[in-house]
Each structure stands twice: as C-alpha cells, then as structure tokens.
Amino acid sequence: MQKSSRNLDRIGVTFDDPRAVANAGLILPATLAQKLGIKSLANSIVDLKDRPGYFRPGNKIMTLVHSMLAGGSYIDDADVFAIGFD
C-alpha cells in the first residue's frame, strides 16, 4: 500500500503577495487533528447507516471544524474546505 502524500508536516506556505495567504492559519489545527487521529476516530465511531453522506464521516466532521475555526457561521461557509479531505 502506498503511503499518502498528504502529510501536513510536508506542507510549506509561500508568500508571493504582500497580503494574507488564504486559510494559512489552519495548518496548526489541521496538523494537531492529524497527529491525534481525529478523522480516523470519527470514521470508526460515527455510523450514519445508509443516510446521505454516510461515507467517511471523519472528512465531513473535519471540514466543519476547520470552517468554524476559520470563522464560518453557516453550513455554506464550509464549501471552501470541502476539497482535499480524502
């Protein structure tokens, strides 16, 4: 089995603009969540049966957590984080 290349320890942030980098402040909580295994724990504990979105609930939980940490107030605010959590 090939190891995933999505290791957060290998992510670098580059500033090519004098303004802020979008979502760069989430690297610390994302790294902590990865080290604690929160996504895997949620996948093993949460059982949504056959409801819509039942597959990999840990991805959905982490998307919502990151949205809240970034200041999201509504479920629609989580759309920006829905890409890349697999």
C-alpha atoms as a PDB file:
ATOM      1  CA  MET A   1       0.000   0.000   0.000  1.00  0.00           C
ATOM      2  CA  GLN A   2       1.395   3.368  -0.995  1.00  0.00           C
ATOM      3  CA  LYS A   3       1.574   5.975   1.738  1.00  0.00           C
ATOM      4  CA  SER A   4      -0.452   9.132   1.186  1.00  0.00           C
ATOM      5  CA  SER A   5       1.433  12.264   0.201  1.00  0.00           C
ATOM      6  CA  ARG A   6      -0.978  14.443   2.167  1.00  0.00           C
ATOM      7  CA  ASN A   7       1.228  14.624   5.238  1.00  0.00           C
ATOM      8  CA  LEU A   8       0.742  18.053   6.786  1.00  0.00           C
ATOM      9  CA  ASP A   9       4.320  18.083   8.083  1.00  0.00           C
ATOM     10  CA  ARG A  10       5.479  18.489   4.483  1.00  0.00           C
ATOM     11  CA  ILE A  11       3.294  21.478   3.604  1.00  0.00           C
ATOM     12  CA  GLY A  12       5.055  24.761   3.076  1.00  0.00           C
ATOM     13  CA  VAL A  13       3.464  28.187   2.876  1.00  0.00           C
ATOM     14  CA  THR A  14       4.906  30.664   0.394  1.00  0.00           C
ATOM     15  CA  PHE A  15       4.139  34.364   0.416  1.00  0.00           C
ATOM     16  CA  ASP A  16       4.116  35.718  -3.113  1.00  0.00           C
ATOM     17  CA  ASP A  17       1.828  38.605  -2.280  1.00  0.00           C
ATOM     18  CA  PRO A  18       2.135  41.215   0.467  1.00  0.00           C
ATOM     19  CA  ARG A  19      -1.429  40.381   1.585  1.00  0.00           C
ATOM     20  CA  ALA A  20      -2.503  37.421   3.700  1.00  0.00           C
ATOM     21  CA  VAL A  21      -2.434  33.851   2.393  1.00  0.00           C
ATOM     22  CA  ALA A  22      -5.938  32.334   2.344  1.00  0.00           C
ATOM     23  CA  ASN A  23      -6.504  29.644   5.003  1.00  0.00           C
ATOM     24  CA  ALA A  24      -2.830  29.555   6.083  1.00  0.00           C
ATOM     25  CA  GLY A  25      -3.847  29.873   9.741  1.00  0.00           C
ATOM     26  CA  LEU A  26      -5.410  26.421   9.689  1.00  0.00           C
ATOM     27  CA  ILE A  27      -2.154  24.499   9.335  1.00  0.00           C
ATOM     28  CA  LEU A  28      -1.619  24.194  13.118  1.00  0.00           C
ATOM     29  CA  PRO A  29      -5.075  22.837  13.995  1.00  0.00           C
ATOM     30  CA  ALA A  30      -5.006  20.590  10.897  1.00  0.00           C
ATOM     31  CA  THR A  31      -1.628  19.161  11.939  1.00  0.00           C
ATOM     32  CA  LEU A  32      -2.846  18.619  15.506  1.00  0.00           C
ATOM     33  CA  ALA A  33      -6.012  16.878  14.280  1.00  0.00           C
ATOM     34  CA  GLN A  34      -3.925  14.644  12.016  1.00  0.00           C
ATOM     35  CA  LYS A  35      -1.487  13.729  14.813  1.00  0.00           C
ATOM     36  CA  LEU A  36      -4.385  12.944  17.179  1.00  0.00           C
ATOM     37  CA  GLY A  37      -6.113  10.819  14.546  1.00  0.00           C
ATOM     38  CA  ILE A  38      -9.435  12.629  14.907  1.00  0.00           C
ATOM     39  CA  LYS A  39     -10.608  11.831  11.374  1.00  0.00           C
ATOM     40  CA  SER A  40      -9.870   8.106  11.755  1.00  0.00           C
ATOM     41  CA  LEU A  41     -11.524   8.049  15.169  1.00  0.00           C
ATOM     42  CA  ALA A  42     -14.660   9.694  13.780  1.00  0.00           C
ATOM     43  CA  ASN A  43     -14.709   7.238  10.874  1.00  0.00           C
ATOM     44  CA  SER A  44     -14.621   4.316  13.312  1.00  0.00           C
ATOM     45  CA  ILE A  45     -17.166   5.685  15.818  1.00  0.00           C
ATOM     46  CA  VAL A  46     -19.763   7.580  13.767  1.00  0.00           C
ATOM     47  CA  ASP A  47     -22.242   5.333  11.948  1.00  0.00           C
ATOM     48  CA  LEU A  48     -24.751   7.143   9.758  1.00  0.00           C
ATOM     49  CA  LYS A  49     -26.198   3.863   8.414  1.00  0.00           C
ATOM     50  CA  ASP A  50     -27.401   4.461   4.855  1.00  0.00           C
ATOM     51  CA  ARG A  51     -28.206   8.161   5.191  1.00  0.00           C
ATOM     52  CA  PRO A  52     -26.909  10.553   2.534  1.00  0.00           C
ATOM     53  CA  GLY A  53     -23.250  11.364   3.211  1.00  0.00           C
ATOM     54  CA  TYR A  54     -22.629   8.215   5.273  1.00  0.00           C
ATOM     55  CA  PHE A  55     -19.238   7.530   3.644  1.00  0.00           C
ATOM     56  CA  ARG A  56     -16.200   8.777   5.645  1.00  0.00           C
ATOM     57  CA  PRO A  57     -17.905  10.907   8.295  1.00  0.00           C
ATOM     58  CA  GLY A  58     -14.483  11.993   9.582  1.00  0.00           C
ATOM     59  CA  ASN A  59     -13.976  14.069   6.422  1.00  0.00           C
ATOM     60  CA  LYS A  60     -17.249  15.871   6.980  1.00  0.00           C
ATOM     61  CA  ILE A  61     -16.519  16.497  10.655  1.00  0.00           C
ATOM     62  CA  MET A  62     -13.044  17.891   9.914  1.00  0.00           C
ATOM     63  CA  THR A  63     -14.470  20.123   7.176  1.00  0.00           C
ATOM     64  CA  LEU A  64     -16.974  21.596   9.638  1.00  0.00           C
ATOM     65  CA  VAL A  65     -14.346  22.017  12.375  1.00  0.00           C
ATOM     66  CA  HIS A  66     -11.978  23.849  10.028  1.00  0.00           C
ATOM     67  CA  SER A  67     -14.821  26.022   8.785  1.00  0.00           C
ATOM     68  CA  MET A  68     -15.677  27.020  12.360  1.00  0.00           C
ATOM     69  CA  LEU A  69     -12.021  27.733  13.174  1.00  0.00           C
ATOM     70  CA  ALA A  70     -11.811  29.998  10.124  1.00  0.00           C
ATOM     71  CA  GLY A  71     -14.820  31.957  11.332  1.00  0.00           C
ATOM     72  CA  GLY A  72     -17.581  30.284   9.341  1.00  0.00           C
ATOM     73  CA  SER A  73     -21.045  30.847  10.738  1.00  0.00           C
ATOM     74  CA  TYR A  74     -23.171  28.902   8.284  1.00  0.00           C
ATOM     75  CA  ILE A  75     -23.007  25.472   6.670  1.00  0.00           C
ATOM     76  CA  ASP A  76     -22.417  27.137   3.294  1.00  0.00           C
ATOM     77  CA  ASP A  77     -19.155  28.576   4.681  1.00  0.00           C
ATOM     78  CA  ALA A  78     -17.742  25.024   4.780  1.00  0.00           C
ATOM     79  CA  ASP A  79     -17.779  24.726   0.972  1.00  0.00           C
ATOM     80  CA  VAL A  80     -14.314  26.280   0.697  1.00  0.00           C
ATOM     81  CA  PHE A  81     -12.837  23.405   2.755  1.00  0.00           C
ATOM     82  CA  ALA A  82     -14.670  20.508   1.131  1.00  0.00           C
ATOM     83  CA  ILE A  83     -11.873  19.870  -1.369  1.00  0.00           C
ATOM     84  CA  GLY A  84      -8.890  17.735  -0.429  1.00  0.00           C
ATOM     85  CA  PHE A  85     -10.042  15.814   2.629  1.00  0.00           C
ATOM     86  CA  ASP A  86      -9.841  12.198   1.489  1.00  0.00           C
END
